[in-house]
Amino acid sequence: MLTLVKKAIRGDKEAFLKLMDIHKPVMLRVAHGYLAQDADVADAMQDTILDAYEHLSSLKEPRYFKTWLIRILLNNCNHIYRKNQKYTSLDEVSGNLSDASQEVDTPLFKFRELLSYVSEENRLCFQLYFGEELTTREIADILHINESTIRSRMHREKMKLKIKLAQNGYAVWSGKEGALS
């Protein structure tokens, strides 16, 4: 992967296209977690690929390519989200969170349902940590937040989520002695 990034930085267009193919699934999941409309996701993806290509020479450390790319994507998602806020109410956006064509019993739907219980402020941290399996260090780099802040937010949200899920009748794993609570 590092070799591809270095080739892309040196101007190898094929290497850049391969990197985009490799990271496309992650980018789509992040964008779908942030934006409700497929058209907005497509716009964010297109803008991100263009921005990444145009600014690839500004990447200082090739091993942080994924972090850098996700940060660009989040900036583009934020821009589109703010633009849409002028025209769309928050109720409409949250109402459209699960695509009508999305099967209710799929893991992605269940994950989105879980994310709906997490505060909006910390939803992105949860998505990057549990959905994309990034480390707290990588998330801190992407969001420009202290790593200990990420860990404390995650801990608080997990406790709130555990309570909320238990209130809604879900069996919640306690993590102690293999028991459900």
N, C-alpha and C. Protein backbone atom coordinates (compact mmCIF):
# COMPACT_ATOMS: atom_id res chain seq x y z
N MET A 1 0.83 -1.19 0.00
CA MET A 1 0.00 0.00 0.00
C MET A 1 0.88 1.25 0.00
N LEU A 2 1.90 1.25 0.83
CA LEU A 2 2.79 2.39 0.93
C LEU A 2 3.48 2.67 -0.41
N THR A 3 3.80 1.60 -1.13
CA THR A 3 4.43 1.75 -2.43
C THR A 3 3.48 2.43 -3.41
N LEU A 4 2.21 2.05 -3.36
CA LEU A 4 1.21 2.69 -4.22
C LEU A 4 1.09 4.18 -3.92
N VAL A 5 1.08 4.52 -2.65
CA VAL A 5 0.97 5.93 -2.27
C VAL A 5 2.17 6.71 -2.79
N LYS A 6 3.35 6.16 -2.62
CA LYS A 6 4.56 6.85 -3.10
C LYS A 6 4.55 7.01 -4.61
N LYS A 7 4.09 5.98 -5.32
CA LYS A 7 3.99 6.08 -6.78
C LYS A 7 2.99 7.17 -7.17
N ALA A 8 1.86 7.19 -6.47
CA ALA A 8 0.83 8.19 -6.78
C ALA A 8 1.35 9.60 -6.53
N ILE A 9 2.09 9.79 -5.46
CA ILE A 9 2.66 11.11 -5.16
C ILE A 9 3.61 11.54 -6.27
N ARG A 10 4.35 10.56 -6.84
CA ARG A 10 5.28 10.87 -7.93
C ARG A 10 4.56 11.08 -9.27
N GLY A 11 3.23 10.94 -9.27
CA GLY A 11 2.47 11.23 -10.48
C GLY A 11 1.93 10.03 -11.23
N ASP A 12 2.04 8.84 -10.68
CA ASP A 12 1.54 7.63 -11.32
C ASP A 12 0.01 7.60 -11.18
N LYS A 13 -0.68 7.86 -12.29
CA LYS A 13 -2.14 7.92 -12.27
C LYS A 13 -2.77 6.56 -11.99
N GLU A 14 -2.17 5.50 -12.50
CA GLU A 14 -2.69 4.16 -12.25
C GLU A 14 -2.63 3.81 -10.76
N ALA A 15 -1.55 4.20 -10.11
CA ALA A 15 -1.41 3.95 -8.67
C ALA A 15 -2.48 4.72 -7.90
N PHE A 16 -2.74 5.95 -8.32
CA PHE A 16 -3.78 6.75 -7.66
C PHE A 16 -5.14 6.08 -7.82
N LEU A 17 -5.44 5.61 -9.03
CA LEU A 17 -6.72 4.95 -9.27
C LEU A 17 -6.86 3.67 -8.44
N LYS A 18 -5.78 2.92 -8.31
CA LYS A 18 -5.81 1.73 -7.47
C LYS A 18 -6.09 2.10 -6.01
N LEU A 19 -5.46 3.17 -5.54
CA LEU A 19 -5.69 3.63 -4.16
C LEU A 19 -7.15 4.01 -3.96
N MET A 20 -7.74 4.67 -4.94
CA MET A 20 -9.14 5.06 -4.83
C MET A 20 -10.03 3.82 -4.81
N ASP A 21 -9.70 2.82 -5.63
CA ASP A 21 -10.47 1.57 -5.62
C ASP A 21 -10.38 0.86 -4.27
N ILE A 22 -9.19 0.86 -3.69
CA ILE A 22 -8.98 0.22 -2.40
C ILE A 22 -9.77 0.92 -1.30
N HIS A 23 -9.77 2.25 -1.32
CA HIS A 23 -10.39 3.02 -0.24
C HIS A 23 -11.85 3.39 -0.50
N LYS A 24 -12.36 3.08 -1.68
CA LYS A 24 -13.74 3.44 -2.02
C LYS A 24 -14.77 2.88 -1.04
N PRO A 25 -14.69 1.59 -0.64
CA PRO A 25 -15.70 1.08 0.31
C PRO A 25 -15.71 1.83 1.65
N VAL A 26 -14.54 2.14 2.16
CA VAL A 26 -14.45 2.87 3.43
C VAL A 26 -15.03 4.27 3.25
N MET A 27 -14.65 4.92 2.16
CA MET A 27 -15.15 6.27 1.91
C MET A 27 -16.67 6.28 1.79
N LEU A 28 -17.22 5.30 1.09
CA LEU A 28 -18.68 5.23 0.94
C LEU A 28 -19.38 5.04 2.28
N ARG A 29 -18.84 4.15 3.11
CA ARG A 29 -19.47 3.93 4.42
C ARG A 29 -19.43 5.18 5.28
N VAL A 30 -18.29 5.87 5.27
CA VAL A 30 -18.16 7.11 6.06
C VAL A 30 -19.13 8.16 5.53
N ALA A 31 -19.16 8.34 4.22
CA ALA A 31 -20.05 9.35 3.63
C ALA A 31 -21.52 9.02 3.88
N HIS A 32 -21.90 7.74 3.75
CA HIS A 32 -23.28 7.35 4.03
C HIS A 32 -23.64 7.53 5.50
N GLY A 33 -22.67 7.39 6.37
CA GLY A 33 -22.93 7.61 7.79
C GLY A 33 -23.12 9.08 8.11
N TYR A 34 -22.61 9.92 7.27
CA TYR A 34 -22.65 11.36 7.51
C TYR A 34 -23.79 12.04 6.74
N LEU A 35 -24.03 11.59 5.53
CA LEU A 35 -25.02 12.22 4.66
C LEU A 35 -26.17 11.25 4.39
N ALA A 36 -27.38 11.78 4.30
CA ALA A 36 -28.56 10.92 4.14
C ALA A 36 -28.88 10.60 2.68
N GLN A 37 -28.59 11.49 1.79
CA GLN A 37 -28.99 11.33 0.39
C GLN A 37 -27.87 10.73 -0.46
N ASP A 38 -28.23 9.77 -1.31
CA ASP A 38 -27.25 9.13 -2.19
C ASP A 38 -26.56 10.14 -3.10
N ALA A 39 -27.31 11.13 -3.57
CA ALA A 39 -26.73 12.15 -4.46
C ALA A 39 -25.66 12.96 -3.72
N ASP A 40 -25.91 13.25 -2.45
CA ASP A 40 -24.92 13.99 -1.65
C ASP A 40 -23.68 13.14 -1.42
N VAL A 41 -23.87 11.86 -1.18
CA VAL A 41 -22.73 10.94 -1.01
C VAL A 41 -21.89 10.91 -2.28
N ALA A 42 -22.56 10.82 -3.42
CA ALA A 42 -21.85 10.80 -4.70
C ALA A 42 -21.07 12.10 -4.91
N ASP A 43 -21.68 13.22 -4.57
CA ASP A 43 -20.98 14.51 -4.69
C ASP A 43 -19.75 14.56 -3.78
N ALA A 44 -19.91 14.09 -2.54
CA ALA A 44 -18.80 14.10 -1.59
C ALA A 44 -17.67 13.20 -2.09
N MET A 45 -18.02 12.05 -2.62
CA MET A 45 -17.01 11.13 -3.15
C MET A 45 -16.26 11.77 -4.32
N GLN A 46 -17.01 12.34 -5.24
CA GLN A 46 -16.40 12.96 -6.41
C GLN A 46 -15.48 14.11 -6.00
N ASP A 47 -15.95 14.96 -5.12
CA ASP A 47 -15.14 16.09 -4.66
C ASP A 47 -13.89 15.61 -3.94
N THR A 48 -14.03 14.54 -3.17
CA THR A 48 -12.89 14.01 -2.41
C THR A 48 -11.82 13.45 -3.34
N ILE A 49 -12.24 12.69 -4.33
CA ILE A 49 -11.28 12.11 -5.27
C ILE A 49 -10.55 13.23 -6.02
N LEU A 50 -11.29 14.23 -6.45
CA LEU A 50 -10.68 15.36 -7.15
C LEU A 50 -9.71 16.12 -6.24
N ASP A 51 -10.16 16.42 -5.02
CA ASP A 51 -9.30 17.15 -4.07
C ASP A 51 -8.05 16.35 -3.73
N ALA A 52 -8.21 15.04 -3.53
CA ALA A 52 -7.06 14.20 -3.21
C ALA A 52 -6.06 14.20 -4.36
N TYR A 53 -6.56 14.10 -5.57
CA TYR A 53 -5.68 14.09 -6.74
C TYR A 53 -4.93 15.42 -6.88
N GLU A 54 -5.67 16.51 -6.71
CA GLU A 54 -5.07 17.84 -6.87
C GLU A 54 -4.06 18.17 -5.77
N HIS A 55 -4.27 17.63 -4.57
CA HIS A 55 -3.42 18.00 -3.42
C HIS A 55 -2.53 16.87 -2.93
N LEU A 56 -2.39 15.83 -3.73
CA LEU A 56 -1.60 14.68 -3.32
C LEU A 56 -0.17 15.06 -2.96
N SER A 57 0.36 16.04 -3.64
CA SER A 57 1.74 16.47 -3.36
C SER A 57 1.88 17.10 -1.97
N SER A 58 0.76 17.51 -1.38
CA SER A 58 0.82 18.12 -0.04
C SER A 58 0.83 17.09 1.07
N LEU A 59 0.63 15.81 0.74
CA LEU A 59 0.67 14.75 1.73
C LEU A 59 2.11 14.59 2.22
N LYS A 60 2.32 14.88 3.50
CA LYS A 60 3.68 14.87 4.04
C LYS A 60 4.19 13.48 4.37
N GLU A 61 3.30 12.63 4.85
CA GLU A 61 3.70 11.29 5.29
C GLU A 61 2.83 10.24 4.58
N PRO A 62 3.38 9.51 3.61
CA PRO A 62 2.60 8.54 2.84
C PRO A 62 1.86 7.49 3.69
N ARG A 63 2.39 7.13 4.84
CA ARG A 63 1.71 6.09 5.64
C ARG A 63 0.39 6.58 6.23
N TYR A 64 0.16 7.90 6.22
CA TYR A 64 -1.09 8.46 6.72
C TYR A 64 -2.07 8.79 5.60
N PHE A 65 -1.90 8.15 4.45
CA PHE A 65 -2.75 8.43 3.30
C PHE A 65 -4.23 8.24 3.64
N LYS A 66 -4.58 7.12 4.26
CA LYS A 66 -5.98 6.83 4.57
C LYS A 66 -6.57 7.90 5.50
N THR A 67 -5.83 8.27 6.52
CA THR A 67 -6.28 9.31 7.45
C THR A 67 -6.49 10.63 6.71
N TRP A 68 -5.53 10.97 5.87
CA TRP A 68 -5.58 12.21 5.08
C TRP A 68 -6.79 12.19 4.16
N LEU A 69 -7.04 11.07 3.50
CA LEU A 69 -8.15 10.94 2.56
C LEU A 69 -9.49 11.06 3.29
N ILE A 70 -9.63 10.42 4.43
CA ILE A 70 -10.88 10.50 5.19
C ILE A 70 -11.11 11.92 5.70
N ARG A 71 -10.05 12.61 6.07
CA ARG A 71 -10.19 14.01 6.52
C ARG A 71 -10.73 14.87 5.38
N ILE A 72 -10.22 14.67 4.17
CA ILE A 72 -10.73 15.40 3.00
C ILE A 72 -12.20 15.07 2.80
N LEU A 73 -12.54 13.79 2.88
CA LEU A 73 -13.93 13.35 2.72
C LEU A 73 -14.83 14.02 3.76
N LEU A 74 -14.40 14.03 5.02
CA LEU A 74 -15.21 14.65 6.08
C LEU A 74 -15.39 16.14 5.84
N ASN A 75 -14.36 16.80 5.37
CA ASN A 75 -14.49 18.23 5.05
C ASN A 75 -15.53 18.43 3.95
N ASN A 76 -15.50 17.58 2.94
CA ASN A 76 -16.48 17.69 1.86
C ASN A 76 -17.88 17.35 2.35
N CYS A 77 -18.01 16.34 3.20
CA CYS A 77 -19.32 16.00 3.78
C CYS A 77 -19.85 17.15 4.63
N ASN A 78 -18.98 17.77 5.42
CA ASN A 78 -19.39 18.92 6.23
C ASN A 78 -19.90 20.05 5.35
N HIS A 79 -19.19 20.31 4.27
CA HIS A 79 -19.59 21.38 3.36
C HIS A 79 -20.98 21.10 2.77
N ILE A 80 -21.19 19.88 2.31
CA ILE A 80 -22.48 19.51 1.73
C ILE A 80 -23.57 19.53 2.79
N TYR A 81 -23.27 19.04 3.98
CA TYR A 81 -24.25 19.03 5.07
C TYR A 81 -24.69 20.45 5.43
N ARG A 82 -23.71 21.35 5.57
CA ARG A 82 -24.04 22.75 5.89
C ARG A 82 -24.85 23.40 4.78
N LYS A 83 -24.51 23.11 3.55
CA LYS A 83 -25.24 23.66 2.41
C LYS A 83 -26.68 23.15 2.45
N ASN A 84 -26.87 21.87 2.76
CA ASN A 84 -28.21 21.29 2.81
C ASN A 84 -29.03 21.79 3.99
N GLN A 85 -28.38 22.20 5.06
CA GLN A 85 -29.10 22.69 6.24
C GLN A 85 -29.93 23.92 5.89
N LYS A 86 -29.51 24.65 4.88
CA LYS A 86 -30.25 25.83 4.46
C LYS A 86 -31.59 25.44 3.83
N TYR A 87 -31.67 24.20 3.32
CA TYR A 87 -32.83 23.79 2.57
C TYR A 87 -33.61 22.62 3.17
N THR A 88 -33.00 21.89 4.11
CA THR A 88 -33.62 20.67 4.64
C THR A 88 -33.69 20.73 6.16
N SER A 89 -34.83 20.33 6.70
CA SER A 89 -34.93 20.31 8.16
C SER A 89 -34.20 19.09 8.71
N LEU A 90 -33.78 19.16 9.94
CA LEU A 90 -33.08 18.05 10.58
C LEU A 90 -33.97 16.82 10.67
N ASP A 91 -35.27 16.99 10.88
CA ASP A 91 -36.19 15.87 10.95
C ASP A 91 -36.21 15.09 9.63
N GLU A 92 -36.17 15.81 8.51
CA GLU A 92 -36.17 15.14 7.21
C GLU A 92 -34.90 14.34 7.03
N VAL A 93 -33.76 14.90 7.45
CA VAL A 93 -32.48 14.21 7.29
C VAL A 93 -32.47 12.95 8.13
N SER A 94 -32.85 13.04 9.40
CA SER A 94 -32.82 11.85 10.25
C SER A 94 -33.88 10.83 9.82
N GLY A 95 -34.98 11.30 9.27
CA GLY A 95 -36.00 10.40 8.77
C GLY A 95 -35.53 9.61 7.57
N ASN A 96 -34.60 10.16 6.81
CA ASN A 96 -34.09 9.50 5.62
C ASN A 96 -32.81 8.71 5.89
N LEU A 97 -32.44 8.57 7.16
CA LEU A 97 -31.17 7.92 7.50
C LEU A 97 -31.08 6.52 6.92
N SER A 98 -32.14 5.76 7.02
CA SER A 98 -32.09 4.41 6.44
C SER A 98 -32.79 4.44 5.10
N ASP A 99 -32.07 4.15 4.07
CA ASP A 99 -32.56 4.12 2.70
C ASP A 99 -33.72 3.13 2.60
N ALA A 100 -34.75 3.47 1.88
CA ALA A 100 -35.93 2.61 1.76
C ALA A 100 -35.57 1.27 1.15
N SER A 101 -34.54 1.25 0.30
CA SER A 101 -34.15 -0.01 -0.32
C SER A 101 -33.28 -0.86 0.59
N GLN A 102 -32.87 -0.32 1.72
CA GLN A 102 -32.00 -1.03 2.67
C GLN A 102 -32.80 -2.10 3.40
N GLU A 103 -32.33 -3.32 3.38
CA GLU A 103 -32.98 -4.40 4.10
C GLU A 103 -32.88 -4.15 5.60
N VAL A 104 -33.96 -4.39 6.33
CA VAL A 104 -34.00 -4.12 7.76
C VAL A 104 -33.14 -5.09 8.55
N ASP A 105 -32.87 -6.25 8.01
CA ASP A 105 -32.16 -7.26 8.78
C ASP A 105 -30.67 -7.37 8.41
N THR A 106 -30.13 -6.41 7.67
CA THR A 106 -28.72 -6.48 7.28
C THR A 106 -27.84 -5.90 8.38
N PRO A 107 -26.58 -6.32 8.44
CA PRO A 107 -25.67 -5.76 9.44
C PRO A 107 -25.51 -4.24 9.31
N LEU A 108 -25.50 -3.72 8.06
CA LEU A 108 -25.37 -2.28 7.87
C LEU A 108 -26.56 -1.54 8.47
N PHE A 109 -27.77 -2.07 8.25
CA PHE A 109 -28.95 -1.43 8.82
C PHE A 109 -28.88 -1.45 10.34
N LYS A 110 -28.50 -2.59 10.91
CA LYS A 110 -28.41 -2.70 12.36
C LYS A 110 -27.37 -1.74 12.92
N PHE A 111 -26.25 -1.59 12.21
CA PHE A 111 -25.21 -0.66 12.66
C PHE A 111 -25.73 0.77 12.61
N ARG A 112 -26.44 1.12 11.53
CA ARG A 112 -27.01 2.47 11.43
C ARG A 112 -28.03 2.71 12.54
N GLU A 113 -28.80 1.67 12.86
CA GLU A 113 -29.77 1.80 13.95
C GLU A 113 -29.05 2.07 15.27
N LEU A 114 -27.97 1.34 15.52
CA LEU A 114 -27.18 1.59 16.73
C LEU A 114 -26.62 3.01 16.75
N LEU A 115 -26.13 3.46 15.60
CA LEU A 115 -25.58 4.81 15.52
C LEU A 115 -26.63 5.87 15.85
N SER A 116 -27.89 5.57 15.57
CA SER A 116 -28.94 6.54 15.85
C SER A 116 -29.09 6.79 17.36
N TYR A 117 -28.63 5.84 18.19
CA TYR A 117 -28.69 6.02 19.64
C TYR A 117 -27.52 6.84 20.17
N VAL A 118 -26.49 7.02 19.37
CA VAL A 118 -25.29 7.75 19.79
C VAL A 118 -25.50 9.24 19.51
N SER A 119 -25.03 10.10 20.41
CA SER A 119 -25.20 11.53 20.22
C SER A 119 -24.57 11.97 18.89
N GLU A 120 -25.17 12.95 18.27
CA GLU A 120 -24.70 13.43 16.97
C GLU A 120 -23.24 13.86 17.04
N GLU A 121 -22.86 14.46 18.16
CA GLU A 121 -21.49 14.95 18.34
C GLU A 121 -20.47 13.80 18.27
N ASN A 122 -20.84 12.63 18.76
CA ASN A 122 -19.89 11.51 18.84
C ASN A 122 -20.16 10.40 17.83
N ARG A 123 -21.15 10.57 17.00
CA ARG A 123 -21.52 9.53 16.04
C ARG A 123 -20.38 9.21 15.08
N LEU A 124 -19.69 10.23 14.63
CA LEU A 124 -18.60 10.01 13.68
C LEU A 124 -17.47 9.22 14.32
N CYS A 125 -17.16 9.50 15.59
CA CYS A 125 -16.13 8.73 16.31
C CYS A 125 -16.52 7.25 16.34
N PHE A 126 -17.78 6.99 16.68
CA PHE A 126 -18.26 5.60 16.73
C PHE A 126 -18.17 4.94 15.38
N GLN A 127 -18.57 5.64 14.35
CA GLN A 127 -18.55 5.07 13.01
C GLN A 127 -17.12 4.74 12.59
N LEU A 128 -16.20 5.65 12.84
CA LEU A 128 -14.81 5.41 12.45
C LEU A 128 -14.18 4.29 13.27
N TYR A 129 -14.52 4.22 14.55
CA TYR A 129 -13.92 3.21 15.43
C TYR A 129 -14.51 1.82 15.19
N PHE A 130 -15.83 1.71 15.26
CA PHE A 130 -16.48 0.41 15.14
C PHE A 130 -16.77 0.02 13.69
N GLY A 131 -17.15 0.98 12.88
CA GLY A 131 -17.47 0.67 11.49
C GLY A 131 -16.25 0.51 10.61
N GLU A 132 -15.29 1.40 10.77
CA GLU A 132 -14.09 1.36 9.92
C GLU A 132 -12.88 0.78 10.62
N GLU A 133 -13.03 0.48 11.91
CA GLU A 133 -11.98 -0.14 12.72
C GLU A 133 -10.68 0.68 12.73
N LEU A 134 -10.83 2.00 12.78
CA LEU A 134 -9.66 2.86 12.93
C LEU A 134 -9.29 2.91 14.41
N THR A 135 -8.05 3.19 14.69
CA THR A 135 -7.61 3.33 16.08
C THR A 135 -8.01 4.69 16.61
N THR A 136 -8.00 4.84 17.92
CA THR A 136 -8.32 6.14 18.51
C THR A 136 -7.28 7.17 18.07
N ARG A 137 -6.05 6.75 17.86
CA ARG A 137 -4.99 7.65 17.38
C ARG A 137 -5.33 8.17 15.99
N GLU A 138 -5.76 7.27 15.10
CA GLU A 138 -6.13 7.67 13.74
C GLU A 138 -7.34 8.60 13.75
N ILE A 139 -8.31 8.30 14.58
CA ILE A 139 -9.50 9.15 14.68
C ILE A 139 -9.12 10.52 15.20
N ALA A 140 -8.26 10.56 16.19
CA ALA A 140 -7.79 11.84 16.73
C ALA A 140 -7.10 12.66 15.65
N ASP A 141 -6.30 12.01 14.82
CA ASP A 141 -5.63 12.72 13.73
C ASP A 141 -6.63 13.25 12.71
N ILE A 142 -7.63 12.44 12.39
CA ILE A 142 -8.63 12.85 11.40
C ILE A 142 -9.45 14.02 11.90
N LEU A 143 -9.89 13.94 13.15
CA LEU A 143 -10.80 14.95 13.71
C LEU A 143 -10.09 16.11 14.39
N HIS A 144 -8.77 16.02 14.48
CA HIS A 144 -7.97 17.05 15.15
C HIS A 144 -8.43 17.26 16.59
N ILE A 145 -8.59 16.13 17.29
CA ILE A 145 -9.00 16.12 18.69
C ILE A 145 -7.99 15.27 19.45
N ASN A 146 -7.76 15.60 20.71
CA ASN A 146 -6.84 14.84 21.54
C ASN A 146 -7.31 13.38 21.65
N GLU A 147 -6.39 12.44 21.59
CA GLU A 147 -6.74 11.02 21.65
C GLU A 147 -7.45 10.66 22.95
N SER A 148 -7.04 11.24 24.06
CA SER A 148 -7.71 10.93 25.33
C SER A 148 -9.16 11.45 25.32
N THR A 149 -9.41 12.53 24.60
CA THR A 149 -10.77 13.03 24.47
C THR A 149 -11.62 12.04 23.69
N ILE A 150 -11.05 11.47 22.64
CA ILE A 150 -11.76 10.45 21.86
C ILE A 150 -12.10 9.27 22.75
N ARG A 151 -11.13 8.78 23.53
CA ARG A 151 -11.37 7.63 24.40
C ARG A 151 -12.45 7.92 25.44
N SER A 152 -12.41 9.10 26.04
CA SER A 152 -13.41 9.41 27.08
C SER A 152 -14.80 9.57 26.46
N ARG A 153 -14.88 10.19 25.28
CA ARG A 153 -16.17 10.31 24.60
C ARG A 153 -16.74 8.93 24.26
N MET A 154 -15.86 8.06 23.77
CA MET A 154 -16.30 6.71 23.40
C MET A 154 -16.81 5.96 24.64
N HIS A 155 -16.09 6.10 25.75
CA HIS A 155 -16.50 5.41 26.97
C HIS A 155 -17.86 5.91 27.45
N ARG A 156 -18.04 7.23 27.49
CA ARG A 156 -19.32 7.79 27.93
C ARG A 156 -20.46 7.34 27.02
N GLU A 157 -20.22 7.38 25.72
CA GLU A 157 -21.27 7.00 24.78
C GLU A 157 -21.59 5.51 24.88
N LYS A 158 -20.57 4.67 25.12
CA LYS A 158 -20.83 3.24 25.28
C LYS A 158 -21.71 3.00 26.50
N MET A 159 -21.47 3.73 27.58
CA MET A 159 -22.30 3.56 28.78
C MET A 159 -23.73 4.02 28.50
N LYS A 160 -23.90 5.16 27.82
CA LYS A 160 -25.24 5.64 27.47
C LYS A 160 -25.93 4.66 26.53
N LEU A 161 -25.18 4.14 25.57
CA LEU A 161 -25.73 3.20 24.60
C LEU A 161 -26.18 1.92 25.29
N LYS A 162 -25.41 1.45 26.23
CA LYS A 162 -25.75 0.23 26.98
C LYS A 162 -27.07 0.42 27.71
N ILE A 163 -27.24 1.56 28.36
CA ILE A 163 -28.48 1.86 29.09
C ILE A 163 -29.66 1.97 28.13
N LYS A 164 -29.45 2.71 27.04
CA LYS A 164 -30.52 2.92 26.06
C LYS A 164 -30.96 1.61 25.43
N LEU A 165 -30.01 0.76 25.08
CA LEU A 165 -30.36 -0.52 24.47
C LEU A 165 -31.09 -1.42 25.48
N ALA A 166 -30.66 -1.41 26.73
CA ALA A 166 -31.33 -2.21 27.75
C ALA A 166 -32.77 -1.72 27.95
N GLN A 167 -32.97 -0.39 27.92
CA GLN A 167 -34.32 0.17 28.06
C GLN A 167 -35.22 -0.24 26.90
N ASN A 168 -34.63 -0.46 25.73
CA ASN A 168 -35.40 -0.84 24.55
C ASN A 168 -35.52 -2.35 24.38
N GLY A 169 -35.16 -3.09 25.42
CA GLY A 169 -35.37 -4.52 25.41
C GLY A 169 -34.27 -5.37 24.78
N TYR A 170 -33.14 -4.77 24.47
CA TYR A 170 -32.04 -5.54 23.91
C TYR A 170 -31.23 -6.17 25.04
N ALA A 171 -30.75 -7.38 24.82
CA ALA A 171 -29.83 -8.01 25.78
C ALA A 171 -28.48 -7.34 25.60
N VAL A 172 -27.91 -6.86 26.68
CA VAL A 172 -26.65 -6.11 26.61
C VAL A 172 -25.55 -6.91 27.29
N TRP A 173 -24.45 -7.10 26.59
CA TRP A 173 -23.30 -7.83 27.11
C TRP A 173 -22.58 -6.97 28.15
N SER A 174 -22.37 -7.51 29.34
CA SER A 174 -21.74 -6.74 30.39
C SER A 174 -20.23 -6.77 30.30
N GLY A 175 -19.68 -7.80 29.64
CA GLY A 175 -18.23 -7.91 29.54
C GLY A 175 -17.60 -8.53 30.75
N LYS A 176 -18.38 -8.83 31.79
CA LYS A 176 -17.86 -9.41 33.03
C LYS A 176 -18.35 -10.84 33.16
N GLU A 177 -17.43 -11.74 33.29
CA GLU A 177 -17.73 -13.15 33.54
C GLU A 177 -18.69 -13.74 32.52
N GLY A 178 -18.64 -13.21 31.31
CA GLY A 178 -19.44 -13.77 30.22
C GLY A 178 -20.93 -13.69 30.40
N ALA A 179 -21.42 -12.73 31.17
CA ALA A 179 -22.84 -12.65 31.44
C ALA A 179 -23.49 -11.53 30.64
N LEU A 180 -24.74 -11.74 30.33
CA LEU A 180 -25.54 -10.67 29.76
C LEU A 180 -26.17 -9.88 30.88
N SER A 181 -26.28 -8.58 30.68
CA SER A 181 -26.94 -7.78 31.72
C SER A 181 -28.21 -7.18 31.18
